[in-house]
C-alpha atoms as a PDB file:
ATOM      1  CA  MET A   1      14.725 -10.047   2.158  1.00  0.00           C
ATOM      2  CA  SER A   2      13.931  -7.516   4.785  1.00  0.00           C
ATOM      3  CA  ASP A   3      10.990  -7.503   7.126  1.00  0.00           C
ATOM      4  CA  ALA A   4       9.803  -4.206   5.647  1.00  0.00           C
ATOM      5  CA  TYR A   5       9.657  -5.763   2.194  1.00  0.00           C
ATOM      6  CA  ASP A   6       7.450  -8.594   3.403  1.00  0.00           C
ATOM      7  CA  TYR A   7       5.267  -6.211   5.395  1.00  0.00           C
ATOM      8  CA  PHE A   8       4.726  -3.785   2.500  1.00  0.00           C
ATOM      9  CA  ARG A   9       4.125  -6.652   0.071  1.00  0.00           C
ATOM     10  CA  ALA A  10       1.448  -8.115   2.335  1.00  0.00           C
ATOM     11  CA  HIS A  11      -0.265  -4.717   2.489  1.00  0.00           C
ATOM     12  CA  ALA A  12      -0.033  -4.354  -1.294  1.00  0.00           C
ATOM     13  CA  ILE A  13      -1.692  -7.723  -1.824  1.00  0.00           C
ATOM     14  CA  ALA A  14      -4.443  -6.977   0.690  1.00  0.00           C
ATOM     15  CA  ALA A  15      -5.104  -3.547  -0.833  1.00  0.00           C
ATOM     16  CA  ALA A  16      -5.260  -5.002  -4.353  1.00  0.00           C
ATOM     17  CA  ARG A  17      -7.723  -7.666  -3.229  1.00  0.00           C
ATOM     18  CA  LYS A  18      -9.858  -5.032  -1.539  1.00  0.00           C
ATOM     19  CA  ALA A  19      -9.825  -2.941  -4.729  1.00  0.00           C
ATOM     20  CA  ARG A  20     -10.944  -5.924  -6.792  1.00  0.00           C
ATOM     21  CA  SER A  21     -13.949  -6.437  -4.540  1.00  0.00           C
ATOM     22  CA  LEU A  22     -15.136  -2.815  -4.776  1.00  0.00           C
ATOM     23  CA  PRO A  23     -17.676  -1.676  -7.365  1.00  0.00           C
ATOM     24  CA  PRO A  24     -16.352   0.489 -10.222  1.00  0.00           C
ATOM     25  CA  GLY A  25     -15.917   4.136  -9.312  1.00  0.00           C
ATOM     26  CA  ARG A  26     -13.800   6.648  -7.479  1.00  0.00           C
ATOM     27  CA  THR A  27     -13.300   4.520  -4.363  1.00  0.00           C
ATOM     28  CA  LYS A  28     -11.962   1.625  -6.421  1.00  0.00           C
ATOM     29  CA  ARG A  29      -9.500   3.913  -8.230  1.00  0.00           C
ATOM     30  CA  LYS A  30      -8.263   5.299  -4.914  1.00  0.00           C
ATOM     31  CA  GLN A  31      -7.854   1.830  -3.454  1.00  0.00           C
ATOM     32  CA  ARG A  32      -5.894   0.714  -6.530  1.00  0.00           C
ATOM     33  CA  THR A  33      -3.629   3.747  -6.073  1.00  0.00           C
ATOM     34  CA  VAL A  34      -3.009   2.749  -2.453  1.00  0.00           C
ATOM     35  CA  ALA A  35      -2.132  -0.767  -3.625  1.00  0.00           C
ATOM     36  CA  ARG A  36       0.357   0.697  -6.127  1.00  0.00           C
ATOM     37  CA  VAL A  37       1.963   2.826  -3.409  1.00  0.00           C
ATOM     38  CA  TYR A  38       2.413  -0.227  -1.175  1.00  0.00           C
ATOM     39  CA  HIS A  39       3.877  -2.133  -4.111  1.00  0.00           C
ATOM     40  CA  LEU A  40       6.385   0.633  -4.833  1.00  0.00           C
ATOM     41  CA  LEU A  41       7.290   0.822  -1.142  1.00  0.00           C
ATOM     42  CA  SER A  42       7.960  -2.916  -1.121  1.00  0.00           C
ATOM     43  CA  LYS A  43      10.272  -2.567  -4.116  1.00  0.00           C
ATOM     44  CA  GLU A  44      12.181   0.270  -2.459  1.00  0.00           C
ATOM     45  CA  ALA A  45      12.347  -1.522   0.893  1.00  0.00           C
ATOM     46  CA  ALA A  46      14.020  -4.479  -0.782  1.00  0.00           C
ATOM     47  CA  LEU A  47      16.856  -2.215  -1.895  1.00  0.00           C
ATOM     48  CA  GLY A  48      17.300   0.359   0.863  1.00  0.00           C
ATOM     49  CA  PRO A  49      17.160   0.938   4.602  1.00  0.00           C
ATOM     50  CA  ASN A  50      13.807   0.351   6.274  1.00  0.00           C
ATOM     51  CA  LEU A  51      13.495   3.552   8.299  1.00  0.00           C
ATOM     52  CA  GLN A  52      13.254   5.854   5.286  1.00  0.00           C
ATOM     53  CA  HIS A  53       9.942   4.328   4.224  1.00  0.00           C
ATOM     54  CA  LEU A  54       7.993   4.802   7.446  1.00  0.00           C
ATOM     55  CA  ASP A  55       6.613   8.243   6.543  1.00  0.00           C
ATOM     56  CA  ASP A  56       5.463   7.001   3.138  1.00  0.00           C
ATOM     57  CA  PHE A  57       3.847   3.982   4.758  1.00  0.00           C
ATOM     58  CA  ARG A  58       2.019   6.130   7.299  1.00  0.00           C
ATOM     59  CA  ALA A  59       0.719   8.400   4.528  1.00  0.00           C
ATOM     60  CA  ALA A  60      -0.575   5.408   2.582  1.00  0.00           C
ATOM     61  CA  ARG A  61      -2.265   4.006   5.696  1.00  0.00           C
ATOM     62  CA  ARG A  62      -3.968   7.373   6.342  1.00  0.00           C
ATOM     63  CA  LEU A  63      -5.253   7.471   2.773  1.00  0.00           C
ATOM     64  CA  GLU A  64      -6.519   3.896   3.023  1.00  0.00           C
ATOM     65  CA  ARG A  65      -8.398   4.718   6.248  1.00  0.00           C
ATOM     66  CA  GLN A  66     -10.017   7.734   4.553  1.00  0.00           C
ATOM     67  CA  ILE A  67     -11.189   5.548   1.684  1.00  0.00           C
ATOM     68  CA  GLY A  68     -12.848   3.153   4.129  1.00  0.00           C
ATOM     69  CA  ARG A  69     -15.107   5.866   5.544  1.00  0.00           C
END
């Protein structure tokens, strides 16, 4: 396993837990989407080079920060 896989998987788990704790609504749906993106990134990172996923990861982090506001 690569380090990127473990890193993305940890973020996916944390994002899913955060989504579960939110009340139903738009914010929860967005947070679940972020969790799905992290999960897909972890799957791709397990198969390919790590550097190609950095832009996707940064975009997901930006979206997650916007949800938190």
